[in-house]
PDB file of N, CA and C in Angstrom:
ATOM      1  N   MET A   1       0.899  -1.163   0.042  1.00  0.00           N
ATOM      2  CA  MET A   1      -0.064  -0.057  -0.029  1.00  0.00           C
ATOM      3  C   MET A   1       0.909   1.245  -0.044  1.00  0.00           C
ATOM      4  N   GLY A   2       0.414   2.135  -0.556  1.00  0.00           N
ATOM      5  CA  GLY A   2       1.218   3.540  -0.814  1.00  0.00           C
ATOM      6  C   GLY A   2       1.396   4.382   0.456  1.00  0.00           C
ATOM      7  N   GLU A   3       1.750   5.622   0.300  1.00  0.00           N
ATOM      8  CA  GLU A   3       1.808   6.484   1.401  1.00  0.00           C
ATOM      9  C   GLU A   3       0.553   6.902   2.006  1.00  0.00           C
ATOM     10  N   ARG A   4       0.374   7.138   3.300  1.00  0.00           N
ATOM     11  CA  ARG A   4      -0.855   7.456   3.918  1.00  0.00           C
ATOM     12  C   ARG A   4      -1.135   8.932   3.645  1.00  0.00           C
ATOM     13  N   PRO A   5      -2.420   9.060   3.330  1.00  0.00           N
ATOM     14  CA  PRO A   5      -2.970  10.449   2.966  1.00  0.00           C
ATOM     15  C   PRO A   5      -2.804  11.465   4.156  1.00  0.00           C
ATOM     16  N   PRO A   6      -2.515  12.574   3.929  1.00  0.00           N
ATOM     17  CA  PRO A   6      -2.244  13.461   5.124  1.00  0.00           C
ATOM     18  C   PRO A   6      -3.628  13.882   5.734  1.00  0.00           C
ATOM     19  N   ILE A   7      -3.681  13.797   7.141  1.00  0.00           N
ATOM     20  CA  ILE A   7      -4.772  14.395   7.825  1.00  0.00           C
ATOM     21  C   ILE A   7      -4.692  15.880   7.985  1.00  0.00           C
ATOM     22  N   ARG A   8      -5.642  16.591   7.445  1.00  0.00           N
ATOM     23  CA  ARG A   8      -5.684  18.025   7.525  1.00  0.00           C
ATOM     24  C   ARG A   8      -6.305  18.615   8.587  1.00  0.00           C
ATOM     25  N   ARG A   9      -7.498  17.864   8.993  1.00  0.00           N
ATOM     26  CA  ARG A   9      -8.448  18.441  10.004  1.00  0.00           C
ATOM     27  C   ARG A   9      -9.151  17.113  10.698  1.00  0.00           C
ATOM     28  N   ILE A  10      -9.183  17.187  12.004  1.00  0.00           N
ATOM     29  CA  ILE A  10     -10.048  16.239  12.710  1.00  0.00           C
ATOM     30  C   ILE A  10     -10.707  16.934  13.916  1.00  0.00           C
ATOM     31  N   VAL A  11     -11.932  16.502  14.023  1.00  0.00           N
ATOM     32  CA  VAL A  11     -12.861  17.000  15.027  1.00  0.00           C
ATOM     33  C   VAL A  11     -13.093  15.894  15.975  1.00  0.00           C
ATOM     34  N   ILE A  12     -12.839  16.057  17.252  1.00  0.00           N
ATOM     35  CA  ILE A  12     -12.852  14.881  18.374  1.00  0.00           C
ATOM     36  C   ILE A  12     -13.907  15.468  19.382  1.00  0.00           C
ATOM     37  N   ASP A  13     -14.552  14.458  19.712  1.00  0.00           N
ATOM     38  CA  ASP A  13     -15.531  14.552  21.011  1.00  0.00           C
ATOM     39  C   ASP A  13     -14.930  13.903  22.076  1.00  0.00           C
ATOM     40  N   ALA A  14     -14.445  14.664  23.192  1.00  0.00           N
ATOM     41  CA  ALA A  14     -13.783  14.128  24.098  1.00  0.00           C
ATOM     42  C   ALA A  14     -14.135  14.654  25.559  1.00  0.00           C
ATOM     43  N   ALA A  15     -13.604  14.109  26.616  1.00  0.00           N
ATOM     44  CA  ALA A  15     -13.841  14.632  27.982  1.00  0.00           C
ATOM     45  C   ALA A  15     -12.651  14.756  28.791  1.00  0.00           C
ATOM     46  N   ILE A  16     -12.699  15.632  29.794  1.00  0.00           N
ATOM     47  CA  ILE A  16     -11.496  15.713  30.768  1.00  0.00           C
ATOM     48  C   ILE A  16     -12.172  15.872  32.119  1.00  0.00           C
ATOM     49  N   PRO A  17     -11.481  15.585  33.216  1.00  0.00           N
ATOM     50  CA  PRO A  17     -11.890  15.723  34.580  1.00  0.00           C
ATOM     51  C   PRO A  17     -12.099  17.176  34.842  1.00  0.00           C
ATOM     52  N   THR A  18     -13.151  17.657  35.703  1.00  0.00           N
ATOM     53  CA  THR A  18     -13.239  19.005  35.916  1.00  0.00           C
ATOM     54  C   THR A  18     -12.278  19.630  36.941  1.00  0.00           C
ATOM     55  N   LYS A  19     -11.555  18.600  37.604  1.00  0.00           N
ATOM     56  CA  LYS A  19     -10.525  19.319  38.537  1.00  0.00           C
ATOM     57  C   LYS A  19      -9.037  18.813  38.190  1.00  0.00           C
ATOM     58  N   GLY A  20      -8.144  19.840  38.131  1.00  0.00           N
ATOM     59  CA  GLY A  20      -6.770  19.693  37.906  1.00  0.00           C
ATOM     60  C   GLY A  20      -6.396  19.875  36.472  1.00  0.00           C
ATOM     61  N   ILE A  21      -7.201  20.156  35.495  1.00  0.00           N
ATOM     62  CA  ILE A  21      -6.948  20.509  34.044  1.00  0.00           C
ATOM     63  C   ILE A  21      -7.740  21.466  33.598  1.00  0.00           C
ATOM     64  N   THR A  22      -7.230  22.254  32.729  1.00  0.00           N
ATOM     65  CA  THR A  22      -8.117  23.313  31.954  1.00  0.00           C
ATOM     66  C   THR A  22      -8.099  22.994  30.598  1.00  0.00           C
ATOM     67  N   ILE A  23      -9.026  23.684  29.868  1.00  0.00           N
ATOM     68  CA  ILE A  23      -9.146  23.504  28.439  1.00  0.00           C
ATOM     69  C   ILE A  23      -7.789  24.138  27.845  1.00  0.00           C
ATOM     70  N   VAL A  24      -7.255  25.105  28.481  1.00  0.00           N
ATOM     71  CA  VAL A  24      -5.917  25.717  28.037  1.00  0.00           C
ATOM     72  C   VAL A  24      -4.849  24.657  27.963  1.00  0.00           C
ATOM     73  N   ASP A  25      -4.704  23.865  29.048  1.00  0.00           N
ATOM     74  CA  ASP A  25      -3.777  22.884  29.099  1.00  0.00           C
ATOM     75  C   ASP A  25      -3.932  21.808  28.174  1.00  0.00           C
ATOM     76  N   VAL A  26      -5.182  21.410  27.686  1.00  0.00           N
ATOM     77  CA  VAL A  26      -5.556  20.520  26.709  1.00  0.00           C
ATOM     78  C   VAL A  26      -5.164  21.074  25.347  1.00  0.00           C
ATOM     79  N   ALA A  27      -5.470  22.365  25.021  1.00  0.00           N
ATOM     80  CA  ALA A  27      -5.032  22.899  23.823  1.00  0.00           C
ATOM     81  C   ALA A  27      -3.612  23.059  23.584  1.00  0.00           C
ATOM     82  N   LYS A  28      -2.915  23.269  24.719  1.00  0.00           N
ATOM     83  CA  LYS A  28      -1.468  23.437  24.572  1.00  0.00           C
ATOM     84  C   LYS A  28      -0.797  22.125  24.307  1.00  0.00           C
ATOM     85  N   GLU A  29      -1.421  21.002  25.074  1.00  0.00           N
ATOM     86  CA  GLU A  29      -0.674  19.755  24.801  1.00  0.00           C
ATOM     87  C   GLU A  29      -0.985  19.197  23.464  1.00  0.00           C
ATOM     88  N   LEU A  30      -2.262  19.510  22.854  1.00  0.00           N
ATOM     89  CA  LEU A  30      -2.480  19.153  21.436  1.00  0.00           C
ATOM     90  C   LEU A  30      -1.712  19.701  20.577  1.00  0.00           C
ATOM     91  N   TYR A  31      -1.398  21.003  20.738  1.00  0.00           N
ATOM     92  CA  TYR A  31      -0.717  21.912  19.772  1.00  0.00           C
ATOM     93  C   TYR A  31       0.681  21.382  19.665  1.00  0.00           C
ATOM     94  N   ARG A  32       1.249  20.838  20.732  1.00  0.00           N
ATOM     95  CA  ARG A  32       2.685  20.165  20.650  1.00  0.00           C
ATOM     96  C   ARG A  32       2.883  19.056  19.728  1.00  0.00           C
ATOM     97  N   VAL A  33       1.759  18.356  19.213  1.00  0.00           N
ATOM     98  CA  VAL A  33       1.881  17.199  18.300  1.00  0.00           C
ATOM     99  C   VAL A  33       2.265  17.684  17.029  1.00  0.00           C
ATOM    100  N   GLU A  34       3.219  16.983  16.538  1.00  0.00           N
ATOM    101  CA  GLU A  34       3.914  17.267  15.224  1.00  0.00           C
ATOM    102  C   GLU A  34       2.907  17.391  14.038  1.00  0.00           C
ATOM    103  N   GLY A  35       2.947  18.499  13.299  1.00  0.00           N
ATOM    104  CA  GLY A  35       2.116  18.661  12.255  1.00  0.00           C
ATOM    105  C   GLY A  35       0.850  19.647  12.538  1.00  0.00           C
ATOM    106  N   VAL A  36       0.706  19.731  13.788  1.00  0.00           N
ATOM    107  CA  VAL A  36      -0.412  20.624  14.266  1.00  0.00           C
ATOM    108  C   VAL A  36      -0.246  22.040  14.066  1.00  0.00           C
ATOM    109  N   LYS A  37      -1.039  22.731  13.486  1.00  0.00           N
ATOM    110  CA  LYS A  37      -0.948  24.154  13.282  1.00  0.00           C
ATOM    111  C   LYS A  37      -1.816  24.923  13.988  1.00  0.00           C
ATOM    112  N   ALA A  38      -3.002  24.430  14.344  1.00  0.00           N
ATOM    113  CA  ALA A  38      -4.055  25.208  15.149  1.00  0.00           C
ATOM    114  C   ALA A  38      -5.003  24.079  15.936  1.00  0.00           C
ATOM    115  N   VAL A  39      -5.425  24.620  17.198  1.00  0.00           N
ATOM    116  CA  VAL A  39      -6.197  23.900  17.912  1.00  0.00           C
ATOM    117  C   VAL A  39      -7.342  24.805  18.468  1.00  0.00           C
ATOM    118  N   ARG A  40      -8.656  24.261  18.572  1.00  0.00           N
ATOM    119  CA  ARG A  40      -9.834  24.960  19.008  1.00  0.00           C
ATOM    120  C   ARG A  40     -10.386  23.826  20.136  1.00  0.00           C
ATOM    121  N   VAL A  41     -10.397  24.307  21.385  1.00  0.00           N
ATOM    122  CA  VAL A  41     -11.223  23.433  22.228  1.00  0.00           C
ATOM    123  C   VAL A  41     -12.340  24.205  22.896  1.00  0.00           C
ATOM    124  N   THR A  42     -13.595  23.768  22.709  1.00  0.00           N
ATOM    125  CA  THR A  42     -14.868  24.312  23.161  1.00  0.00           C
ATOM    126  C   THR A  42     -15.412  23.225  24.149  1.00  0.00           C
ATOM    127  N   VAL A  43     -15.827  23.948  25.393  1.00  0.00           N
ATOM    128  CA  VAL A  43     -16.717  23.065  26.207  1.00  0.00           C
ATOM    129  C   VAL A  43     -18.061  22.978  25.683  1.00  0.00           C
ATOM    130  N   ASP A  44     -18.507  21.773  25.523  1.00  0.00           N
ATOM    131  CA  ASP A  44     -20.018  21.545  25.178  1.00  0.00           C
ATOM    132  C   ASP A  44     -20.885  20.854  26.087  1.00  0.00           C
ATOM    133  N   ASP A  45     -20.232  20.526  27.206  1.00  0.00           N
ATOM    134  CA  ASP A  45     -21.148  19.734  28.291  1.00  0.00           C
ATOM    135  C   ASP A  45     -20.399  19.912  29.582  1.00  0.00           C
ATOM    136  N   VAL A  46     -21.027  20.248  30.666  1.00  0.00           N
ATOM    137  CA  VAL A  46     -20.530  20.170  31.954  1.00  0.00           C
ATOM    138  C   VAL A  46     -21.356  19.374  32.940  1.00  0.00           C
ATOM    139  N   ASP A  47     -20.508  18.280  33.478  1.00  0.00           N
ATOM    140  CA  ASP A  47     -21.130  17.522  34.607  1.00  0.00           C
ATOM    141  C   ASP A  47     -20.302  17.814  35.792  1.00  0.00           C
ATOM    142  N   VAL A  48     -20.710  17.157  36.840  1.00  0.00           N
ATOM    143  CA  VAL A  48     -19.967  17.204  38.225  1.00  0.00           C
ATOM    144  C   VAL A  48     -18.578  16.926  38.137  1.00  0.00           C
ATOM    145  N   ASP A  49     -18.234  15.912  37.402  1.00  0.00           N
ATOM    146  CA  ASP A  49     -16.714  15.431  37.604  1.00  0.00           C
ATOM    147  C   ASP A  49     -16.152  15.528  36.112  1.00  0.00           C
ATOM    148  N   VAL A  50     -16.932  15.881  35.013  1.00  0.00           N
ATOM    149  CA  VAL A  50     -16.336  15.872  33.725  1.00  0.00           C
ATOM    150  C   VAL A  50     -16.771  16.919  32.775  1.00  0.00           C
ATOM    151  N   LEU A  51     -15.872  17.409  31.956  1.00  0.00           N
ATOM    152  CA  LEU A  51     -16.245  18.404  30.944  1.00  0.00           C
ATOM    153  C   LEU A  51     -16.302  17.729  29.580  1.00  0.00           C
ATOM    154  N   GLY A  52     -17.330  17.944  28.964  1.00  0.00           N
ATOM    155  CA  GLY A  52     -17.355  17.497  27.571  1.00  0.00           C
ATOM    156  C   GLY A  52     -16.771  18.511  26.690  1.00  0.00           C
ATOM    157  N   LEU A  53     -15.868  18.089  25.800  1.00  0.00           N
ATOM    158  CA  LEU A  53     -15.173  18.903  24.785  1.00  0.00           C
ATOM    159  C   LEU A  53     -15.520  18.600  23.440  1.00  0.00           C
ATOM    160  N   ALA A  54     -15.518  19.761  22.617  1.00  0.00           N
ATOM    161  CA  ALA A  54     -15.361  19.585  21.137  1.00  0.00           C
ATOM    162  C   ALA A  54     -13.912  20.155  20.690  1.00  0.00           C
ATOM    163  N   ILE A  55     -13.134  19.301  20.124  1.00  0.00           N
ATOM    164  CA  ILE A  55     -11.760  19.593  19.764  1.00  0.00           C
ATOM    165  C   ILE A  55     -11.658  19.621  18.198  1.00  0.00           C
ATOM    166  N   VAL A  56     -11.125  20.786  17.803  1.00  0.00           N
ATOM    167  CA  VAL A  56     -10.903  20.985  16.366  1.00  0.00           C
ATOM    168  C   VAL A  56      -9.342  21.087  16.236  1.00  0.00           C
ATOM    169  N   VAL A  57      -8.740  20.177  15.421  1.00  0.00           N
ATOM    170  CA  VAL A  57      -7.281  20.395  15.290  1.00  0.00           C
ATOM    171  C   VAL A  57      -7.075  20.406  13.603  1.00  0.00           C
ATOM    172  N   GLU A  58      -6.258  21.249  13.307  1.00  0.00           N
ATOM    173  CA  GLU A  58      -5.969  21.417  11.763  1.00  0.00           C
ATOM    174  C   GLU A  58      -4.423  21.532  11.689  1.00  0.00           C
ATOM    175  N   GLY A  59      -3.967  20.877  10.631  1.00  0.00           N
ATOM    176  CA  GLY A  59      -2.490  21.043  10.373  1.00  0.00           C
ATOM    177  C   GLY A  59      -2.018  20.355   9.077  1.00  0.00           C
ATOM    178  N   VAL A  60      -0.938  19.817   9.086  1.00  0.00           N
ATOM    179  CA  VAL A  60      -0.381  19.237   7.911  1.00  0.00           C
ATOM    180  C   VAL A  60      -0.013  17.840   8.338  1.00  0.00           C
ATOM    181  N   ASN A  61      -0.611  16.749   7.833  1.00  0.00           N
ATOM    182  CA  ASN A  61      -0.022  15.452   8.087  1.00  0.00           C
ATOM    183  C   ASN A  61      -0.146  15.028   9.726  1.00  0.00           C
ATOM    184  N   VAL A  62      -1.364  15.418  10.242  1.00  0.00           N
ATOM    185  CA  VAL A  62      -1.568  15.284  11.900  1.00  0.00           C
ATOM    186  C   VAL A  62      -1.622  13.800  11.961  1.00  0.00           C
ATOM    187  N   ASP A  63      -1.013  13.366  13.067  1.00  0.00           N
ATOM    188  CA  ASP A  63      -1.105  11.895  13.514  1.00  0.00           C
ATOM    189  C   ASP A  63      -2.048  11.743  14.584  1.00  0.00           C
ATOM    190  N   TYR A  64      -3.082  11.064  14.113  1.00  0.00           N
ATOM    191  CA  TYR A  64      -4.234  10.883  15.189  1.00  0.00           C
ATOM    192  C   TYR A  64      -3.824  10.118  16.473  1.00  0.00           C
ATOM    193  N   GLY A  65      -3.034   9.109  16.277  1.00  0.00           N
ATOM    194  CA  GLY A  65      -2.552   8.407  17.448  1.00  0.00           C
ATOM    195  C   GLY A  65      -1.726   9.271  18.499  1.00  0.00           C
ATOM    196  N   GLU A  66      -0.965  10.124  18.083  1.00  0.00           N
ATOM    197  CA  GLU A  66      -0.286  11.234  18.902  1.00  0.00           C
ATOM    198  C   GLU A  66      -1.284  12.168  19.360  1.00  0.00           C
ATOM    199  N   LEU A  67      -2.217  12.558  18.653  1.00  0.00           N
ATOM    200  CA  LEU A  67      -3.193  13.376  19.399  1.00  0.00           C
ATOM    201  C   LEU A  67      -3.956  12.675  20.372  1.00  0.00           C
ATOM    202  N   GLU A  68      -4.279  11.390  20.308  1.00  0.00           N
ATOM    203  CA  GLU A  68      -4.926  10.630  21.447  1.00  0.00           C
ATOM    204  C   GLU A  68      -4.047  10.453  22.610  1.00  0.00           C
ATOM    205  N   LYS A  69      -2.781  10.289  22.328  1.00  0.00           N
ATOM    206  CA  LYS A  69      -1.781  10.023  23.482  1.00  0.00           C
ATOM    207  C   LYS A  69      -1.593  11.466  24.189  1.00  0.00           C
ATOM    208  N   ALA A  70      -1.556  12.402  23.390  1.00  0.00           N
ATOM    209  CA  ALA A  70      -1.506  13.751  24.080  1.00  0.00           C
ATOM    210  C   ALA A  70      -2.763  14.141  25.057  1.00  0.00           C
ATOM    211  N   LEU A  71      -3.857  13.676  24.477  1.00  0.00           N
ATOM    212  CA  LEU A  71      -5.128  13.951  25.234  1.00  0.00           C
ATOM    213  C   LEU A  71      -5.021  13.099  26.483  1.00  0.00           C
ATOM    214  N   GLU A  72      -4.671  11.951  26.332  1.00  0.00           N
ATOM    215  CA  GLU A  72      -4.499  10.962  27.515  1.00  0.00           C
ATOM    216  C   GLU A  72      -3.471  11.471  28.564  1.00  0.00           C
ATOM    217  N   ARG A  73      -2.428  12.240  28.088  1.00  0.00           N
ATOM    218  CA  ARG A  73      -1.311  12.721  29.080  1.00  0.00           C
ATOM    219  C   ARG A  73      -2.044  13.887  29.899  1.00  0.00           C
ATOM    220  N   VAL A  74      -3.018  14.488  29.424  1.00  0.00           N
ATOM    221  CA  VAL A  74      -3.670  15.455  30.363  1.00  0.00           C
ATOM    222  C   VAL A  74      -5.071  14.925  31.027  1.00  0.00           C
ATOM    223  N   GLY A  75      -5.109  13.550  30.978  1.00  0.00           N
ATOM    224  CA  GLY A  75      -6.218  13.006  31.742  1.00  0.00           C
ATOM    225  C   GLY A  75      -7.573  12.847  30.918  1.00  0.00           C
ATOM    226  N   GLY A  76      -7.566  13.212  29.514  1.00  0.00           N
ATOM    227  CA  GLY A  76      -8.619  13.198  28.790  1.00  0.00           C
ATOM    228  C   GLY A  76      -8.768  11.756  28.132  1.00  0.00           C
ATOM    229  N   VAL A  77     -10.042  11.739  27.496  1.00  0.00           N
ATOM    230  CA  VAL A  77     -10.445  10.520  26.813  1.00  0.00           C
ATOM    231  C   VAL A  77     -11.216  10.872  25.648  1.00  0.00           C
ATOM    232  N   VAL A  78     -11.045  10.197  24.371  1.00  0.00           N
ATOM    233  CA  VAL A  78     -11.779  10.340  23.114  1.00  0.00           C
ATOM    234  C   VAL A  78     -13.132   9.671  23.396  1.00  0.00           C
ATOM    235  N   HIS A  79     -14.165  10.409  22.986  1.00  0.00           N
ATOM    236  CA  HIS A  79     -15.490   9.742  22.815  1.00  0.00           C
ATOM    237  C   HIS A  79     -15.945   9.256  21.450  1.00  0.00           C
ATOM    238  N   SER A  80     -15.460  10.139  20.591  1.00  0.00           N
ATOM    239  CA  SER A  80     -15.680   9.845  19.277  1.00  0.00           C
ATOM    240  C   SER A  80     -14.887  10.833  18.293  1.00  0.00           C
ATOM    241  N   ILE A  81     -14.679  10.247  16.934  1.00  0.00           N
ATOM    242  CA  ILE A  81     -14.173  11.284  16.021  1.00  0.00           C
ATOM    243  C   ILE A  81     -15.375  11.563  15.048  1.00  0.00           C
ATOM    244  N   ASP A  82     -15.671  12.955  15.128  1.00  0.00           N
ATOM    245  CA  ASP A  82     -16.862  13.497  14.547  1.00  0.00           C
ATOM    246  C   ASP A  82     -16.658  14.097  13.123  1.00  0.00           C
ATOM    247  N   GLU A  83     -15.336  14.215  12.641  1.00  0.00           N
ATOM    248  CA  GLU A  83     -15.128  14.698  11.554  1.00  0.00           C
ATOM    249  C   GLU A  83     -13.722  14.433  11.100  1.00  0.00           C
ATOM    250  N   VAL A  84     -13.230  14.171   9.922  1.00  0.00           N
ATOM    251  CA  VAL A  84     -11.797  14.110   9.460  1.00  0.00           C
ATOM    252  C   VAL A  84     -11.780  14.539   8.037  1.00  0.00           C
ATOM    253  N   VAL A  85     -10.604  15.161   7.740  1.00  0.00           N
ATOM    254  CA  VAL A  85     -10.502  15.698   6.410  1.00  0.00           C
ATOM    255  C   VAL A  85      -9.040  15.320   6.037  1.00  0.00           C
ATOM    256  N   VAL A  86      -8.817  14.522   5.007  1.00  0.00           N
ATOM    257  CA  VAL A  86      -7.546  14.118   4.419  1.00  0.00           C
ATOM    258  C   VAL A  86      -7.289  14.705   3.145  1.00  0.00           C
ATOM    259  N   GLY A  87      -6.228  15.010   2.675  1.00  0.00           N
ATOM    260  CA  GLY A  87      -5.914  15.372   1.283  1.00  0.00           C
ATOM    261  C   GLY A  87      -4.964  16.491   1.250  1.00  0.00           C
ATOM    262  N   GLU A  88      -4.962  17.170   0.160  1.00  0.00           N
ATOM    263  CA  GLU A  88      -4.181  18.292  -0.138  1.00  0.00           C
ATOM    264  C   GLU A  88      -4.738  19.746   0.365  1.00  0.00           C
ATOM    265  N   TYR A  89      -6.054  19.815   0.673  1.00  0.00           N
ATOM    266  CA  TYR A  89      -6.771  21.058   1.186  1.00  0.00           C
ATOM    267  C   TYR A  89      -7.953  20.659   1.935  1.00  0.00           C
ATOM    268  N   ILE A  90      -8.430  21.588   2.586  1.00  0.00           N
ATOM    269  CA  ILE A  90      -9.781  21.352   3.465  1.00  0.00           C
ATOM    270  C   ILE A  90     -10.943  21.862   2.614  1.00  0.00           C
ATOM    271  N   PRO A  91     -11.856  20.912   2.161  1.00  0.00           N
ATOM    272  CA  PRO A  91     -12.853  21.489   1.386  1.00  0.00           C
ATOM    273  C   PRO A  91     -13.904  22.261   2.332  1.00  0.00           C
ATOM    274  N   GLU A  92     -14.805  23.165   1.689  1.00  0.00           N
ATOM    275  CA  GLU A  92     -15.646  23.861   2.546  1.00  0.00           C
ATOM    276  C   GLU A  92     -16.682  22.910   3.023  1.00  0.00           C
ATOM    277  N   ALA A  93     -17.227  23.191   4.110  1.00  0.00           N
ATOM    278  CA  ALA A  93     -18.404  22.399   4.726  1.00  0.00           C
ATOM    279  C   ALA A  93     -19.626  22.300   3.639  1.00  0.00           C
ATOM    280  N   GLY A  94     -20.155  21.239   3.430  1.00  0.00           N
ATOM    281  CA  GLY A  94     -21.227  21.132   2.400  1.00  0.00           C
ATOM    282  C   GLY A  94     -20.972  21.065   0.985  1.00  0.00           C
ATOM    283  N   ALA A  95     -19.605  21.253   0.603  1.00  0.00           N
ATOM    284  CA  ALA A  95     -19.183  21.273  -0.814  1.00  0.00           C
ATOM    285  C   ALA A  95     -19.467  19.667  -1.150  1.00  0.00           C
ATOM    286  N   THR A  96     -19.903  19.559  -2.453  1.00  0.00           N
ATOM    287  CA  THR A  96     -20.179  18.147  -2.989  1.00  0.00           C
ATOM    288  C   THR A  96     -19.334  17.875  -4.222  1.00  0.00           C
ATOM    289  N   THR A  97     -18.773  19.022  -4.759  1.00  0.00           N
ATOM    290  CA  THR A  97     -17.957  18.846  -5.990  1.00  0.00           C
ATOM    291  C   THR A  97     -16.417  19.495  -5.770  1.00  0.00           C
TER     292      THR A  97
END
């Protein structure tokens, strides 16, 4: 099989504990992953012990495995991958051609 296509954008639904870690810590840790050019972390759910996060990562040839490890280093866990874009550019949302 040939070369793996580069991941340009990935949207992750994740969770972190409410104590001991902030979304700033999460964003900084994810930004350290090779190939990452930008990270957006948004709180989309609050529970007593857990914050639900919507994480958007964009870059060039982003390694999903390394993103998952980085999230785990700050106590987080991936619930799902909600979007992924691979290729030479990021198509506009809703584009069909």
